[in-house]
Amino acid sequence: MSEQKPGVSDAFGTFLREAPAHAEAWMAGVQGLGAASALDEKTETLAYLAVLAAMRLESGVPFHAAHAKRAGASRAEVISAVLVGLPAAGNGVTACLPAALNAYDAA
């Protein structure tokens, strides 16, 4: 867990490096939830981007936008995923759009 992946925020990278037992437990839960999901990888990644944007968690957006591209999502789908929360969460979701597009374009 010591190697930081591209697009991973400094905060999450620090978590992975400095608290490896906690990070391992966290990632096991994440992987278990992913395995339990009925959604295909692309749909789940786009849905997760929507949640990140709605919660204004910009630091996770680059990693997951690049993941969405690798999973087959188009640029337009990433934009739509970030903006899908506009009615419920408000225009704060737009703060995540630059990070999502920069990461998508760089991936």
N, C-alpha and C. Protein backbone atom coordinates (compact mmCIF):
# COMPACT_ATOMS: atom_id res chain seq x y z
N MET A 1 0.81 -1.19 0.00
CA MET A 1 0.00 0.00 0.00
C MET A 1 0.85 1.26 0.00
N SER A 2 2.16 1.13 -0.19
CA SER A 2 3.03 2.29 -0.07
C SER A 2 3.16 3.06 -1.38
N GLU A 3 2.81 2.48 -2.50
CA GLU A 3 2.95 3.13 -3.79
C GLU A 3 1.70 3.93 -4.12
N GLN A 4 1.88 5.27 -4.34
CA GLN A 4 0.73 6.13 -4.61
C GLN A 4 0.39 6.09 -6.10
N LYS A 5 -0.88 5.90 -6.41
CA LYS A 5 -1.34 5.85 -7.79
C LYS A 5 -1.55 7.26 -8.32
N PRO A 6 -1.40 7.46 -9.63
CA PRO A 6 -1.66 8.78 -10.21
C PRO A 6 -3.09 9.23 -9.95
N GLY A 7 -3.25 10.49 -9.63
CA GLY A 7 -4.58 11.04 -9.39
C GLY A 7 -5.05 10.90 -7.95
N VAL A 8 -4.32 10.16 -7.13
CA VAL A 8 -4.69 9.99 -5.73
C VAL A 8 -4.29 11.26 -4.98
N SER A 9 -5.20 11.79 -4.19
CA SER A 9 -4.92 13.02 -3.46
C SER A 9 -3.80 12.81 -2.44
N ASP A 10 -3.16 13.91 -2.06
CA ASP A 10 -2.11 13.83 -1.04
C ASP A 10 -2.67 13.25 0.27
N ALA A 11 -3.89 13.68 0.62
CA ALA A 11 -4.49 13.20 1.87
C ALA A 11 -4.69 11.69 1.84
N PHE A 12 -5.24 11.17 0.74
CA PHE A 12 -5.48 9.73 0.68
C PHE A 12 -4.17 8.98 0.55
N GLY A 13 -3.21 9.54 -0.18
CA GLY A 13 -1.89 8.93 -0.28
C GLY A 13 -1.22 8.82 1.08
N THR A 14 -1.36 9.87 1.90
CA THR A 14 -0.82 9.85 3.25
C THR A 14 -1.49 8.77 4.08
N PHE A 15 -2.80 8.67 3.96
CA PHE A 15 -3.56 7.62 4.64
C PHE A 15 -3.01 6.24 4.26
N LEU A 16 -2.81 6.02 2.97
CA LEU A 16 -2.31 4.73 2.51
C LEU A 16 -0.92 4.43 3.06
N ARG A 17 -0.05 5.44 3.08
CA ARG A 17 1.33 5.26 3.53
C ARG A 17 1.46 5.17 5.05
N GLU A 18 0.77 6.05 5.74
CA GLU A 18 1.00 6.20 7.17
C GLU A 18 0.10 5.34 8.06
N ALA A 19 -0.95 4.83 7.51
CA ALA A 19 -1.86 3.97 8.29
C ALA A 19 -2.19 2.72 7.48
N PRO A 20 -1.18 1.93 7.16
CA PRO A 20 -1.39 0.81 6.24
C PRO A 20 -2.42 -0.22 6.72
N ALA A 21 -2.50 -0.47 8.01
CA ALA A 21 -3.48 -1.44 8.49
C ALA A 21 -4.90 -0.90 8.31
N HIS A 22 -5.09 0.37 8.61
CA HIS A 22 -6.40 0.99 8.41
C HIS A 22 -6.74 1.03 6.92
N ALA A 23 -5.75 1.39 6.10
CA ALA A 23 -5.97 1.47 4.66
C ALA A 23 -6.33 0.10 4.09
N GLU A 24 -5.65 -0.93 4.55
CA GLU A 24 -5.95 -2.28 4.08
C GLU A 24 -7.39 -2.67 4.43
N ALA A 25 -7.80 -2.35 5.65
CA ALA A 25 -9.18 -2.65 6.08
C ALA A 25 -10.17 -1.85 5.25
N TRP A 26 -9.87 -0.60 5.03
CA TRP A 26 -10.75 0.27 4.22
C TRP A 26 -10.88 -0.28 2.81
N MET A 27 -9.76 -0.61 2.19
CA MET A 27 -9.78 -1.08 0.81
C MET A 27 -10.48 -2.44 0.69
N ALA A 28 -10.38 -3.28 1.71
CA ALA A 28 -11.10 -4.56 1.69
C ALA A 28 -12.60 -4.29 1.66
N GLY A 29 -13.05 -3.32 2.43
CA GLY A 29 -14.47 -2.95 2.41
C GLY A 29 -14.89 -2.39 1.07
N VAL A 30 -14.06 -1.53 0.51
CA VAL A 30 -14.35 -0.94 -0.80
C VAL A 30 -14.46 -2.04 -1.85
N GLN A 31 -13.51 -2.96 -1.84
CA GLN A 31 -13.53 -4.05 -2.82
C GLN A 31 -14.74 -4.96 -2.62
N GLY A 32 -15.11 -5.20 -1.37
CA GLY A 32 -16.29 -6.02 -1.09
C GLY A 32 -17.57 -5.36 -1.58
N LEU A 33 -17.68 -4.05 -1.37
CA LEU A 33 -18.86 -3.32 -1.85
C LEU A 33 -18.91 -3.33 -3.38
N GLY A 34 -17.76 -3.18 -4.01
CA GLY A 34 -17.71 -3.24 -5.47
C GLY A 34 -18.15 -4.60 -5.99
N ALA A 35 -17.70 -5.64 -5.33
CA ALA A 35 -18.08 -7.00 -5.75
C ALA A 35 -19.57 -7.25 -5.55
N ALA A 36 -20.17 -6.61 -4.56
CA ALA A 36 -21.59 -6.82 -4.28
C ALA A 36 -22.50 -6.02 -5.20
N SER A 37 -21.94 -5.04 -5.89
CA SER A 37 -22.74 -4.15 -6.73
C SER A 37 -23.27 -4.86 -7.97
N ALA A 38 -24.51 -4.54 -8.33
CA ALA A 38 -25.10 -5.07 -9.55
C ALA A 38 -24.76 -4.19 -10.75
N LEU A 39 -24.10 -3.07 -10.52
CA LEU A 39 -23.76 -2.14 -11.60
C LEU A 39 -22.49 -2.59 -12.31
N ASP A 40 -22.44 -2.33 -13.61
CA ASP A 40 -21.20 -2.58 -14.33
C ASP A 40 -20.18 -1.52 -13.91
N GLU A 41 -18.91 -1.76 -14.20
CA GLU A 41 -17.83 -0.90 -13.73
C GLU A 41 -18.00 0.55 -14.19
N LYS A 42 -18.33 0.76 -15.45
CA LYS A 42 -18.48 2.13 -15.96
C LYS A 42 -19.60 2.86 -15.24
N THR A 43 -20.76 2.22 -15.10
CA THR A 43 -21.90 2.86 -14.44
C THR A 43 -21.58 3.16 -12.99
N GLU A 44 -20.96 2.21 -12.30
CA GLU A 44 -20.63 2.42 -10.90
C GLU A 44 -19.64 3.57 -10.73
N THR A 45 -18.65 3.65 -11.61
CA THR A 45 -17.67 4.73 -11.53
C THR A 45 -18.31 6.08 -11.79
N LEU A 46 -19.21 6.15 -12.76
CA LEU A 46 -19.92 7.41 -13.04
C LEU A 46 -20.82 7.79 -11.86
N ALA A 47 -21.49 6.81 -11.27
CA ALA A 47 -22.33 7.09 -10.11
C ALA A 47 -21.48 7.60 -8.94
N TYR A 48 -20.32 7.01 -8.78
CA TYR A 48 -19.43 7.43 -7.69
C TYR A 48 -18.95 8.86 -7.92
N LEU A 49 -18.65 9.21 -9.16
CA LEU A 49 -18.28 10.60 -9.49
C LEU A 49 -19.41 11.55 -9.12
N ALA A 50 -20.63 11.16 -9.39
CA ALA A 50 -21.79 12.00 -9.05
C ALA A 50 -21.87 12.21 -7.54
N VAL A 51 -21.62 11.17 -6.78
CA VAL A 51 -21.65 11.28 -5.32
C VAL A 51 -20.52 12.19 -4.84
N LEU A 52 -19.32 12.00 -5.37
CA LEU A 52 -18.20 12.86 -4.98
C LEU A 52 -18.52 14.33 -5.24
N ALA A 53 -19.09 14.61 -6.41
CA ALA A 53 -19.42 16.00 -6.75
C ALA A 53 -20.51 16.53 -5.83
N ALA A 54 -21.53 15.73 -5.57
CA ALA A 54 -22.63 16.18 -4.70
C ALA A 54 -22.14 16.46 -3.29
N MET A 55 -21.15 15.69 -2.83
CA MET A 55 -20.61 15.90 -1.50
C MET A 55 -19.44 16.89 -1.50
N ARG A 56 -19.10 17.37 -2.67
CA ARG A 56 -18.01 18.35 -2.87
C ARG A 56 -16.66 17.82 -2.38
N LEU A 57 -16.43 16.57 -2.71
CA LEU A 57 -15.18 15.90 -2.35
C LEU A 57 -14.24 15.92 -3.56
N GLU A 58 -13.78 17.10 -3.90
CA GLU A 58 -12.97 17.30 -5.11
C GLU A 58 -11.71 16.45 -5.14
N SER A 59 -11.14 16.16 -3.97
CA SER A 59 -9.85 15.45 -3.95
C SER A 59 -9.93 14.06 -4.57
N GLY A 60 -11.09 13.42 -4.54
CA GLY A 60 -11.23 12.09 -5.11
C GLY A 60 -11.60 12.09 -6.58
N VAL A 61 -11.96 13.25 -7.10
CA VAL A 61 -12.47 13.33 -8.47
C VAL A 61 -11.43 12.95 -9.52
N PRO A 62 -10.19 13.44 -9.46
CA PRO A 62 -9.24 13.08 -10.52
C PRO A 62 -9.04 11.58 -10.68
N PHE A 63 -8.83 10.88 -9.58
CA PHE A 63 -8.62 9.43 -9.66
C PHE A 63 -9.83 8.74 -10.29
N HIS A 64 -11.03 9.13 -9.86
CA HIS A 64 -12.23 8.42 -10.33
C HIS A 64 -12.65 8.86 -11.74
N ALA A 65 -12.32 10.07 -12.15
CA ALA A 65 -12.58 10.48 -13.53
C ALA A 65 -11.68 9.71 -14.49
N ALA A 66 -10.42 9.55 -14.13
CA ALA A 66 -9.51 8.75 -14.96
C ALA A 66 -9.96 7.29 -14.99
N HIS A 67 -10.43 6.79 -13.85
CA HIS A 67 -10.95 5.42 -13.78
C HIS A 67 -12.17 5.28 -14.70
N ALA A 68 -13.03 6.28 -14.70
CA ALA A 68 -14.21 6.23 -15.57
C ALA A 68 -13.80 6.14 -17.03
N LYS A 69 -12.78 6.90 -17.42
CA LYS A 69 -12.32 6.84 -18.81
C LYS A 69 -11.81 5.45 -19.14
N ARG A 70 -11.01 4.87 -18.23
CA ARG A 70 -10.49 3.51 -18.46
C ARG A 70 -11.62 2.48 -18.52
N ALA A 71 -12.72 2.77 -17.83
CA ALA A 71 -13.87 1.86 -17.84
C ALA A 71 -14.76 2.07 -19.06
N GLY A 72 -14.39 3.01 -19.93
CA GLY A 72 -15.14 3.20 -21.17
C GLY A 72 -16.06 4.40 -21.20
N ALA A 73 -16.03 5.24 -20.18
CA ALA A 73 -16.92 6.41 -20.16
C ALA A 73 -16.40 7.48 -21.11
N SER A 74 -17.33 8.13 -21.77
CA SER A 74 -16.96 9.25 -22.64
C SER A 74 -16.78 10.51 -21.80
N ARG A 75 -16.19 11.51 -22.40
CA ARG A 75 -16.02 12.80 -21.73
C ARG A 75 -17.39 13.38 -21.38
N ALA A 76 -18.34 13.26 -22.30
CA ALA A 76 -19.69 13.77 -22.07
C ALA A 76 -20.37 13.04 -20.90
N GLU A 77 -20.11 11.74 -20.77
CA GLU A 77 -20.68 10.98 -19.64
C GLU A 77 -20.08 11.43 -18.31
N VAL A 78 -18.80 11.75 -18.30
CA VAL A 78 -18.16 12.24 -17.08
C VAL A 78 -18.76 13.59 -16.70
N ILE A 79 -18.93 14.47 -17.67
CA ILE A 79 -19.55 15.77 -17.42
C ILE A 79 -20.95 15.57 -16.84
N SER A 80 -21.73 14.71 -17.46
CA SER A 80 -23.09 14.47 -16.99
C SER A 80 -23.11 13.88 -15.59
N ALA A 81 -22.17 12.99 -15.29
CA ALA A 81 -22.12 12.39 -13.96
C ALA A 81 -21.83 13.46 -12.90
N VAL A 82 -20.89 14.34 -13.18
CA VAL A 82 -20.57 15.40 -12.22
C VAL A 82 -21.76 16.32 -12.03
N LEU A 83 -22.48 16.61 -13.10
CA LEU A 83 -23.57 17.59 -13.04
C LEU A 83 -24.94 16.99 -12.70
N VAL A 84 -25.07 15.68 -12.63
CA VAL A 84 -26.37 15.06 -12.37
C VAL A 84 -26.97 15.51 -11.05
N GLY A 85 -26.13 15.88 -10.10
CA GLY A 85 -26.62 16.30 -8.80
C GLY A 85 -27.05 17.76 -8.71
N LEU A 86 -26.98 18.50 -9.81
CA LEU A 86 -27.36 19.92 -9.78
C LEU A 86 -28.71 20.18 -9.10
N PRO A 87 -29.78 19.48 -9.46
CA PRO A 87 -31.07 19.78 -8.84
C PRO A 87 -31.10 19.54 -7.33
N ALA A 88 -30.46 18.48 -6.88
CA ALA A 88 -30.53 18.12 -5.46
C ALA A 88 -29.43 18.78 -4.63
N ALA A 89 -28.24 18.90 -5.19
CA ALA A 89 -27.08 19.38 -4.42
C ALA A 89 -26.71 20.83 -4.73
N GLY A 90 -27.24 21.36 -5.80
CA GLY A 90 -26.95 22.75 -6.16
C GLY A 90 -25.70 22.89 -7.03
N ASN A 91 -25.40 24.15 -7.34
CA ASN A 91 -24.32 24.39 -8.29
C ASN A 91 -22.93 24.16 -7.71
N GLY A 92 -22.83 23.77 -6.45
CA GLY A 92 -21.53 23.41 -5.88
C GLY A 92 -20.88 22.24 -6.61
N VAL A 93 -21.69 21.43 -7.28
CA VAL A 93 -21.13 20.30 -8.02
C VAL A 93 -20.21 20.78 -9.14
N THR A 94 -20.45 22.00 -9.62
CA THR A 94 -19.63 22.51 -10.73
C THR A 94 -18.17 22.70 -10.30
N ALA A 95 -17.91 22.81 -9.01
CA ALA A 95 -16.53 22.96 -8.53
C ALA A 95 -15.69 21.73 -8.87
N CYS A 96 -16.33 20.58 -9.05
CA CYS A 96 -15.61 19.35 -9.37
C CYS A 96 -15.37 19.17 -10.87
N LEU A 97 -16.02 19.95 -11.67
CA LEU A 97 -15.93 19.77 -13.12
C LEU A 97 -14.52 19.98 -13.65
N PRO A 98 -13.80 21.04 -13.27
CA PRO A 98 -12.44 21.20 -13.81
C PRO A 98 -11.53 20.01 -13.46
N ALA A 99 -11.57 19.55 -12.23
CA ALA A 99 -10.72 18.42 -11.82
C ALA A 99 -11.07 17.16 -12.61
N ALA A 100 -12.36 16.95 -12.82
CA ALA A 100 -12.81 15.76 -13.56
C ALA A 100 -12.32 15.82 -15.01
N LEU A 101 -12.48 16.95 -15.64
CA LEU A 101 -12.10 17.06 -17.06
C LEU A 101 -10.58 17.05 -17.25
N ASN A 102 -9.85 17.71 -16.35
CA ASN A 102 -8.40 17.68 -16.45
C ASN A 102 -7.88 16.26 -16.31
N ALA A 103 -8.41 15.51 -15.37
CA ALA A 103 -7.97 14.13 -15.16
C ALA A 103 -8.40 13.24 -16.33
N TYR A 104 -9.61 13.45 -16.81
CA TYR A 104 -10.11 12.66 -17.95
C TYR A 104 -9.22 12.88 -19.16
N ASP A 105 -8.93 14.16 -19.45
CA ASP A 105 -8.14 14.49 -20.63
C ASP A 105 -6.70 13.97 -20.51
N ALA A 106 -6.18 13.92 -19.29
CA ALA A 106 -4.81 13.46 -19.09
C ALA A 106 -4.68 11.94 -19.06
N ALA A 107 -5.79 11.25 -18.82
CA ALA A 107 -5.73 9.78 -18.70
C ALA A 107 -5.56 9.11 -20.05
